[in-house]
C-alpha atoms as a PDB file:
ATOM      1  CA  UNK A   1      61.314  34.484 -17.624  1.00  0.00           C
ATOM      2  CA  UNK A   2      57.920  33.905 -19.153  1.00  0.00           C
ATOM      3  CA  UNK A   3      56.190  37.118 -18.138  1.00  0.00           C
ATOM      4  CA  UNK A   4      57.019  40.251 -20.113  1.00  0.00           C
ATOM      5  CA  UNK A   5      56.794  43.780 -18.756  1.00  0.00           C
ATOM      6  CA  UNK A   6      54.671  46.596 -20.138  1.00  0.00           C
ATOM      7  CA  UNK A   7      56.207  49.348 -17.973  1.00  0.00           C
ATOM      8  CA  UNK A   8      57.806  50.757 -21.132  1.00  0.00           C
ATOM      9  CA  UNK A   9      57.087  50.053 -24.801  1.00  0.00           C
ATOM     10  CA  UNK A  10      59.893  48.401 -26.803  1.00  0.00           C
ATOM     11  CA  UNK A  11      60.503  51.614 -28.733  1.00  0.00           C
ATOM     12  CA  UNK A  12      60.872  53.896 -25.676  1.00  0.00           C
ATOM     13  CA  UNK A  13      64.308  55.469 -25.100  1.00  0.00           C
ATOM     14  CA  UNK A  14      66.303  54.130 -22.143  1.00  0.00           C
ATOM     15  CA  UNK A  15      65.448  56.251 -19.103  1.00  0.00           C
ATOM     16  CA  UNK A  16      67.622  57.220 -16.158  1.00  0.00           C
ATOM     17  CA  UNK A  17      67.806  54.755 -13.277  1.00  0.00           C
ATOM     18  CA  UNK A  18      67.442  56.255  -9.795  1.00  0.00           C
ATOM     19  CA  UNK A  19      68.093  53.892  -6.877  1.00  0.00           C
ATOM     20  CA  UNK A  20      66.642  54.665  -3.463  1.00  0.00           C
ATOM     21  CA  UNK A  21      68.999  54.662  -0.441  1.00  0.00           C
ATOM     22  CA  UNK A  22      69.919  51.206   0.836  1.00  0.00           C
ATOM     23  CA  UNK A  23      67.919  49.222  -1.707  1.00  0.00           C
ATOM     24  CA  UNK A  24      70.908  47.301  -3.075  1.00  0.00           C
ATOM     25  CA  UNK A  25      72.553  46.740   0.327  1.00  0.00           C
ATOM     26  CA  UNK A  26      71.181  43.194   0.910  1.00  0.00           C
ATOM     27  CA  UNK A  27      72.283  42.078  -2.530  1.00  0.00           C
ATOM     28  CA  UNK A  28      75.735  43.638  -2.215  1.00  0.00           C
ATOM     29  CA  UNK A  29      76.212  41.999   1.193  1.00  0.00           C
ATOM     30  CA  UNK A  30      75.323  38.602  -0.258  1.00  0.00           C
ATOM     31  CA  UNK A  31      77.433  39.174  -3.382  1.00  0.00           C
ATOM     32  CA  UNK A  32      80.473  40.038  -1.249  1.00  0.00           C
ATOM     33  CA  UNK A  33      79.942  36.925   0.879  1.00  0.00           C
ATOM     34  CA  UNK A  34      79.679  34.781  -2.270  1.00  0.00           C
ATOM     35  CA  UNK A  35      82.772  36.421  -3.727  1.00  0.00           C
ATOM     36  CA  UNK A  36      84.846  35.819  -0.605  1.00  0.00           C
ATOM     37  CA  UNK A  37      83.769  32.177  -0.609  1.00  0.00           C
ATOM     38  CA  UNK A  38      84.889  31.870  -4.239  1.00  0.00           C
ATOM     39  CA  UNK A  39      88.272  33.446  -3.476  1.00  0.00           C
ATOM     40  CA  UNK A  40      88.768  31.184  -0.472  1.00  0.00           C
ATOM     41  CA  UNK A  41      87.792  28.142  -2.527  1.00  0.00           C
ATOM     42  CA  UNK A  42      90.315  29.114  -5.182  1.00  0.00           C
ATOM     43  CA  UNK A  43      93.101  29.301  -2.587  1.00  0.00           C
ATOM     44  CA  UNK A  44      92.153  25.839  -1.277  1.00  0.00           C
ATOM     45  CA  UNK A  45      91.766  24.282  -4.713  1.00  0.00           C
ATOM     46  CA  UNK A  46      87.983  23.956  -4.295  1.00  0.00           C
ATOM     47  CA  UNK A  47      86.433  26.112  -7.058  1.00  0.00           C
ATOM     48  CA  UNK A  48      83.137  27.772  -6.220  1.00  0.00           C
ATOM     49  CA  UNK A  49      80.998  29.778  -8.631  1.00  0.00           C
ATOM     50  CA  UNK A  50      79.361  32.782  -6.915  1.00  0.00           C
ATOM     51  CA  UNK A  51      75.767  33.518  -7.829  1.00  0.00           C
ATOM     52  CA  UNK A  52      73.443  36.300  -6.684  1.00  0.00           C
ATOM     53  CA  UNK A  53      70.162  37.521  -8.231  1.00  0.00           C
ATOM     54  CA  UNK A  54      67.117  39.537  -7.146  1.00  0.00           C
ATOM     55  CA  UNK A  55      64.101  41.394  -8.508  1.00  0.00           C
ATOM     56  CA  UNK A  56      63.885  45.189  -8.527  1.00  0.00           C
ATOM     57  CA  UNK A  57      60.612  46.959  -7.733  1.00  0.00           C
ATOM     58  CA  UNK A  58      59.689  50.583  -8.265  1.00  0.00           C
ATOM     59  CA  UNK A  59      57.959  53.068 -10.531  1.00  0.00           C
ATOM     60  CA  UNK A  60      58.452  55.062 -13.693  1.00  0.00           C
ATOM     61  CA  UNK A  61      58.413  58.712 -12.589  1.00  0.00           C
ATOM     62  CA  UNK A  62      59.535  61.954 -14.253  1.00  0.00           C
ATOM     63  CA  UNK A  63      61.557  60.184 -16.910  1.00  0.00           C
ATOM     64  CA  UNK A  64      63.354  57.884 -14.462  1.00  0.00           C
ATOM     65  CA  UNK A  65      62.999  54.281 -13.376  1.00  0.00           C
ATOM     66  CA  UNK A  66      62.907  54.704  -9.607  1.00  0.00           C
ATOM     67  CA  UNK A  67      64.110  51.531  -7.888  1.00  0.00           C
ATOM     68  CA  UNK A  68      62.463  51.463  -4.478  1.00  0.00           C
ATOM     69  CA  UNK A  69      62.653  47.857  -3.278  1.00  0.00           C
ATOM     70  CA  UNK A  70      64.481  44.576  -3.786  1.00  0.00           C
ATOM     71  CA  UNK A  71      62.954  41.104  -3.515  1.00  0.00           C
ATOM     72  CA  UNK A  72      64.647  37.726  -3.415  1.00  0.00           C
ATOM     73  CA  UNK A  73      63.005  34.989  -5.480  1.00  0.00           C
ATOM     74  CA  UNK A  74      63.462  31.248  -5.839  1.00  0.00           C
ATOM     75  CA  UNK A  75      65.746  29.796  -8.480  1.00  0.00           C
ATOM     76  CA  UNK A  76      64.643  26.844 -10.634  1.00  0.00           C
ATOM     77  CA  UNK A  77      67.735  26.835 -12.846  1.00  0.00           C
ATOM     78  CA  UNK A  78      68.765  23.370 -11.649  1.00  0.00           C
ATOM     79  CA  UNK A  79      65.359  21.813 -10.927  1.00  0.00           C
ATOM     80  CA  UNK A  80      62.796  22.736 -13.599  1.00  0.00           C
ATOM     81  CA  UNK A  81      62.748  20.296 -16.519  1.00  0.00           C
ATOM     82  CA  UNK A  82      61.757  22.946 -19.063  1.00  0.00           C
ATOM     83  CA  UNK A  83      64.596  25.213 -17.926  1.00  0.00           C
ATOM     84  CA  UNK A  84      67.130  22.384 -18.031  1.00  0.00           C
ATOM     85  CA  UNK A  85      65.961  21.599 -21.559  1.00  0.00           C
ATOM     86  CA  UNK A  86      66.309  25.270 -22.558  1.00  0.00           C
ATOM     87  CA  UNK A  87      69.903  25.322 -21.337  1.00  0.00           C
ATOM     88  CA  UNK A  88      70.788  21.977 -22.934  1.00  0.00           C
ATOM     89  CA  UNK A  89      69.167  22.619 -26.322  1.00  0.00           C
ATOM     90  CA  UNK A  90      69.518  26.390 -26.767  1.00  0.00           C
ATOM     91  CA  UNK A  91      71.829  28.155 -24.339  1.00  0.00           C
ATOM     92  CA  UNK A  92      74.773  25.719 -24.209  1.00  0.00           C
ATOM     93  CA  UNK A  93      74.958  25.254 -28.021  1.00  0.00           C
ATOM     94  CA  UNK A  94      74.684  29.032 -28.561  1.00  0.00           C
ATOM     95  CA  UNK A  95      76.766  30.417 -25.689  1.00  0.00           C
ATOM     96  CA  UNK A  96      79.237  27.741 -24.680  1.00  0.00           C
ATOM     97  CA  UNK A  97      79.909  24.730 -22.489  1.00  0.00           C
ATOM     98  CA  UNK A  98      80.460  26.822 -19.328  1.00  0.00           C
ATOM     99  CA  UNK A  99      76.652  27.004 -19.080  1.00  0.00           C
ATOM    100  CA  UNK A 100      76.461  23.271 -18.427  1.00  0.00           C
ATOM    101  CA  UNK A 101      77.383  24.233 -14.860  1.00  0.00           C
ATOM    102  CA  UNK A 102      74.090  24.500 -12.975  1.00  0.00           C
ATOM    103  CA  UNK A 103      75.315  27.493 -10.985  1.00  0.00           C
ATOM    104  CA  UNK A 104      75.857  29.465 -14.176  1.00  0.00           C
ATOM    105  CA  UNK A 105      72.705  31.458 -14.823  1.00  0.00           C
ATOM    106  CA  UNK A 106      69.559  32.073 -12.777  1.00  0.00           C
ATOM    107  CA  UNK A 107      65.940  31.342 -13.624  1.00  0.00           C
ATOM    108  CA  UNK A 108      63.263  32.857 -11.426  1.00  0.00           C
ATOM    109  CA  UNK A 109      60.533  30.528 -10.171  1.00  0.00           C
ATOM    110  CA  UNK A 110      57.447  31.600 -12.217  1.00  0.00           C
ATOM    111  CA  UNK A 111      55.064  31.000  -9.293  1.00  0.00           C
ATOM    112  CA  UNK A 112      57.155  33.214  -6.996  1.00  0.00           C
ATOM    113  CA  UNK A 113      57.470  35.828  -9.719  1.00  0.00           C
ATOM    114  CA  UNK A 114      53.700  36.028 -10.106  1.00  0.00           C
ATOM    115  CA  UNK A 115      53.290  36.339  -6.324  1.00  0.00           C
ATOM    116  CA  UNK A 116      55.847  39.165  -6.169  1.00  0.00           C
ATOM    117  CA  UNK A 117      54.171  40.966  -9.085  1.00  0.00           C
ATOM    118  CA  UNK A 118      50.825  40.861  -7.277  1.00  0.00           C
ATOM    119  CA  UNK A 119      52.343  42.023  -3.989  1.00  0.00           C
ATOM    120  CA  UNK A 120      54.116  44.869  -5.784  1.00  0.00           C
ATOM    121  CA  UNK A 121      50.907  45.968  -7.507  1.00  0.00           C
ATOM    122  CA  UNK A 122      49.144  46.049  -4.135  1.00  0.00           C
ATOM    123  CA  UNK A 123      51.821  48.543  -3.008  1.00  0.00           C
ATOM    124  CA  UNK A 124      51.527  50.643  -6.158  1.00  0.00           C
ATOM    125  CA  UNK A 125      54.814  49.327  -7.559  1.00  0.00           C
ATOM    126  CA  UNK A 126      55.926  47.499 -10.699  1.00  0.00           C
ATOM    127  CA  UNK A 127      58.541  44.808 -11.136  1.00  0.00           C
ATOM    128  CA  UNK A 128      61.063  46.844 -13.129  1.00  0.00           C
ATOM    129  CA  UNK A 129      63.534  44.048 -13.697  1.00  0.00           C
ATOM    130  CA  UNK A 130      66.391  42.273 -11.989  1.00  0.00           C
ATOM    131  CA  UNK A 131      69.950  42.603 -10.749  1.00  0.00           C
ATOM    132  CA  UNK A 132      72.585  39.896 -10.815  1.00  0.00           C
ATOM    133  CA  UNK A 133      76.221  39.414  -9.962  1.00  0.00           C
ATOM    134  CA  UNK A 134      79.305  39.039 -12.144  1.00  0.00           C
ATOM    135  CA  UNK A 135      82.803  38.407 -10.827  1.00  0.00           C
ATOM    136  CA  UNK A 136      86.375  38.202 -12.146  1.00  0.00           C
ATOM    137  CA  UNK A 137      85.992  34.463 -12.610  1.00  0.00           C
ATOM    138  CA  UNK A 138      89.042  34.324 -14.885  1.00  0.00           C
ATOM    139  CA  UNK A 139      91.142  35.060 -11.783  1.00  0.00           C
ATOM    140  CA  UNK A 140      89.783  32.521  -9.288  1.00  0.00           C
ATOM    141  CA  UNK A 141      88.502  29.820 -11.703  1.00  0.00           C
ATOM    142  CA  UNK A 142      90.241  30.272 -15.079  1.00  0.00           C
ATOM    143  CA  UNK A 143      89.348  26.784 -16.317  1.00  0.00           C
ATOM    144  CA  UNK A 144      85.638  27.545 -16.063  1.00  0.00           C
ATOM    145  CA  UNK A 145      85.985  31.105 -17.381  1.00  0.00           C
ATOM    146  CA  UNK A 146      87.551  29.651 -20.549  1.00  0.00           C
ATOM    147  CA  UNK A 147      88.912  33.041 -21.573  1.00  0.00           C
ATOM    148  CA  UNK A 148      85.706  34.971 -20.826  1.00  0.00           C
ATOM    149  CA  UNK A 149      86.270  38.242 -18.977  1.00  0.00           C
ATOM    150  CA  UNK A 150      83.149  39.279 -17.104  1.00  0.00           C
ATOM    151  CA  UNK A 151      82.376  42.890 -16.221  1.00  0.00           C
ATOM    152  CA  UNK A 152      79.359  45.096 -15.471  1.00  0.00           C
ATOM    153  CA  UNK A 153      78.459  44.671 -19.145  1.00  0.00           C
ATOM    154  CA  UNK A 154      76.102  41.880 -20.250  1.00  0.00           C
ATOM    155  CA  UNK A 155      77.344  38.677 -21.817  1.00  0.00           C
ATOM    156  CA  UNK A 156      75.702  37.378 -24.991  1.00  0.00           C
ATOM    157  CA  UNK A 157      73.696  34.988 -22.828  1.00  0.00           C
ATOM    158  CA  UNK A 158      72.618  37.862 -20.563  1.00  0.00           C
ATOM    159  CA  UNK A 159      71.316  39.724 -23.601  1.00  0.00           C
ATOM    160  CA  UNK A 160      69.414  36.635 -24.718  1.00  0.00           C
ATOM    161  CA  UNK A 161      67.675  36.489 -21.322  1.00  0.00           C
ATOM    162  CA  UNK A 162      67.136  40.268 -21.221  1.00  0.00           C
ATOM    163  CA  UNK A 163      65.410  40.122 -24.619  1.00  0.00           C
ATOM    164  CA  UNK A 164      63.170  37.220 -23.681  1.00  0.00           C
ATOM    165  CA  UNK A 165      62.380  38.547 -20.218  1.00  0.00           C
ATOM    166  CA  UNK A 166      61.418  41.967 -21.511  1.00  0.00           C
ATOM    167  CA  UNK A 167      61.946  43.840 -18.237  1.00  0.00           C
ATOM    168  CA  UNK A 168      62.937  47.467 -18.804  1.00  0.00           C
ATOM    169  CA  UNK A 169      65.769  47.339 -16.243  1.00  0.00           C
ATOM    170  CA  UNK A 170      68.548  44.756 -16.087  1.00  0.00           C
ATOM    171  CA  UNK A 171      71.349  45.558 -13.653  1.00  0.00           C
ATOM    172  CA  UNK A 172      74.729  43.874 -13.237  1.00  0.00           C
ATOM    173  CA  UNK A 173      76.980  44.270 -10.183  1.00  0.00           C
ATOM    174  CA  UNK A 174      80.553  43.237 -10.984  1.00  0.00           C
ATOM    175  CA  UNK A 175      82.977  42.373  -8.192  1.00  0.00           C
ATOM    176  CA  UNK A 176      86.720  42.137  -8.770  1.00  0.00           C
ATOM    177  CA  UNK A 177      89.905  42.121  -6.725  1.00  0.00           C
ATOM    178  CA  UNK A 178      92.531  44.847  -6.594  1.00  0.00           C
ATOM    179  CA  UNK A 179      95.168  43.524  -4.221  1.00  0.00           C
ATOM    180  CA  UNK A 180      93.301  42.913  -0.981  1.00  0.00           C
ATOM    181  CA  UNK A 181      90.415  45.202  -1.948  1.00  0.00           C
ATOM    182  CA  UNK A 182      87.171  44.054  -3.551  1.00  0.00           C
ATOM    183  CA  UNK A 183      85.894  46.670  -5.992  1.00  0.00           C
ATOM    184  CA  UNK A 184      82.375  47.115  -7.334  1.00  0.00           C
ATOM    185  CA  UNK A 185      81.164  48.405 -10.691  1.00  0.00           C
ATOM    186  CA  UNK A 186      77.497  48.643 -11.630  1.00  0.00           C
ATOM    187  CA  UNK A 187      75.815  48.630 -15.022  1.00  0.00           C
ATOM    188  CA  UNK A 188      72.169  49.054 -15.992  1.00  0.00           C
ATOM    189  CA  UNK A 189      70.823  47.899 -19.335  1.00  0.00           C
ATOM    190  CA  UNK A 190      67.606  48.190 -21.318  1.00  0.00           C
ATOM    191  CA  UNK A 191      66.789  44.954 -23.152  1.00  0.00           C
ATOM    192  CA  UNK A 192      67.293  44.485 -26.872  1.00  0.00           C
ATOM    193  CA  UNK A 193      64.110  44.939 -28.913  1.00  0.00           C
ATOM    194  CA  UNK A 194      62.350  41.579 -28.844  1.00  0.00           C
ATOM    195  CA  UNK A 195      61.748  41.397 -32.595  1.00  0.00           C
ATOM    196  CA  UNK A 196      65.358  42.304 -33.467  1.00  0.00           C
ATOM    197  CA  UNK A 197      67.524  39.192 -33.155  1.00  0.00           C
ATOM    198  CA  UNK A 198      70.658  41.245 -33.816  1.00  0.00           C
ATOM    199  CA  UNK A 199      69.771  44.053 -31.422  1.00  0.00           C
ATOM    200  CA  UNK A 200      71.927  44.807 -28.405  1.00  0.00           C
ATOM    201  CA  UNK A 201      71.162  45.893 -24.853  1.00  0.00           C
ATOM    202  CA  UNK A 202      71.336  49.664 -24.317  1.00  0.00           C
ATOM    203  CA  UNK A 203      73.340  51.180 -21.464  1.00  0.00           C
ATOM    204  CA  UNK A 204      71.346  53.250 -18.956  1.00  0.00           C
ATOM    205  CA  UNK A 205      72.652  55.957 -16.649  1.00  0.00           C
ATOM    206  CA  UNK A 206      72.522  55.098 -12.953  1.00  0.00           C
ATOM    207  CA  UNK A 207      72.096  57.550 -10.080  1.00  0.00           C
ATOM    208  CA  UNK A 208      71.995  56.821  -6.358  1.00  0.00           C
ATOM    209  CA  UNK A 209      69.417  58.824  -4.444  1.00  0.00           C
ATOM    210  CA  UNK A 210      70.743  60.467  -1.282  1.00  0.00           C
ATOM    211  CA  UNK A 211      67.263  61.224  -0.035  1.00  0.00           C
ATOM    212  CA  UNK A 212      64.941  64.205  -0.127  1.00  0.00           C
ATOM    213  CA  UNK A 213      66.204  67.681  -0.991  1.00  0.00           C
ATOM    214  CA  UNK A 214      64.124  69.071   1.907  1.00  0.00           C
ATOM    215  CA  UNK A 215      66.260  69.778   4.977  1.00  0.00           C
ATOM    216  CA  UNK A 216      64.817  68.470   8.274  1.00  0.00           C
ATOM    217  CA  UNK A 217      64.322  71.297  10.783  1.00  0.00           C
ATOM    218  CA  UNK A 218      66.553  69.701  13.410  1.00  0.00           C
ATOM    219  CA  UNK A 219      69.505  69.346  11.009  1.00  0.00           C
ATOM    220  CA  UNK A 220      69.547  72.882   9.650  1.00  0.00           C
ATOM    221  CA  UNK A 221      72.728  74.820  10.284  1.00  0.00           C
ATOM    222  CA  UNK A 222      72.219  77.982  12.361  1.00  0.00           C
ATOM    223  CA  UNK A 223      72.425  81.146  10.263  1.00  0.00           C
END
């Protein structure tokens, strides 16, 4: 990402994350579809690397980052020459050969990002950050995982991108299998301080909004 956020200063403490009802549903639906495709590919000997990423829009309000909308954006990870150079010269040498795979990592199209920022501002919203998918890759593609165990926590490469992107909110949805069930865990992370090369991402508490505390007249229980 080339555009940094000024929603929060670098020195601000990590706020609570409050997610509006249904906001993550499109991403979770796509992540589950990608995950099932990866599992099926593993069974057939055709490895597939699931990938899912989106922008999160909302507002800072009463000490919380309120996530109110999700937007898909184009991916130039495998097509932009500058991005390919960044992966070849920086990311692969620093974080490992698994990142030579073009489906590993996501890089938002800067033109689409700028368009989404402007549309969000017109609605009184900010681009708070992004959400992406992790999966138990060591189970369905161990050769590519190369001993790396993914979770809802950021990898070293994630933290590198979080720091350089500067968005105050970076969410990870981790999918993994338990028997025939697919389980979900969610993490939210504030980026490392940009000037601190040794800094780490900070965990943020996540809450799911169930809606307004006001009770609609028609749903009130008779006294």
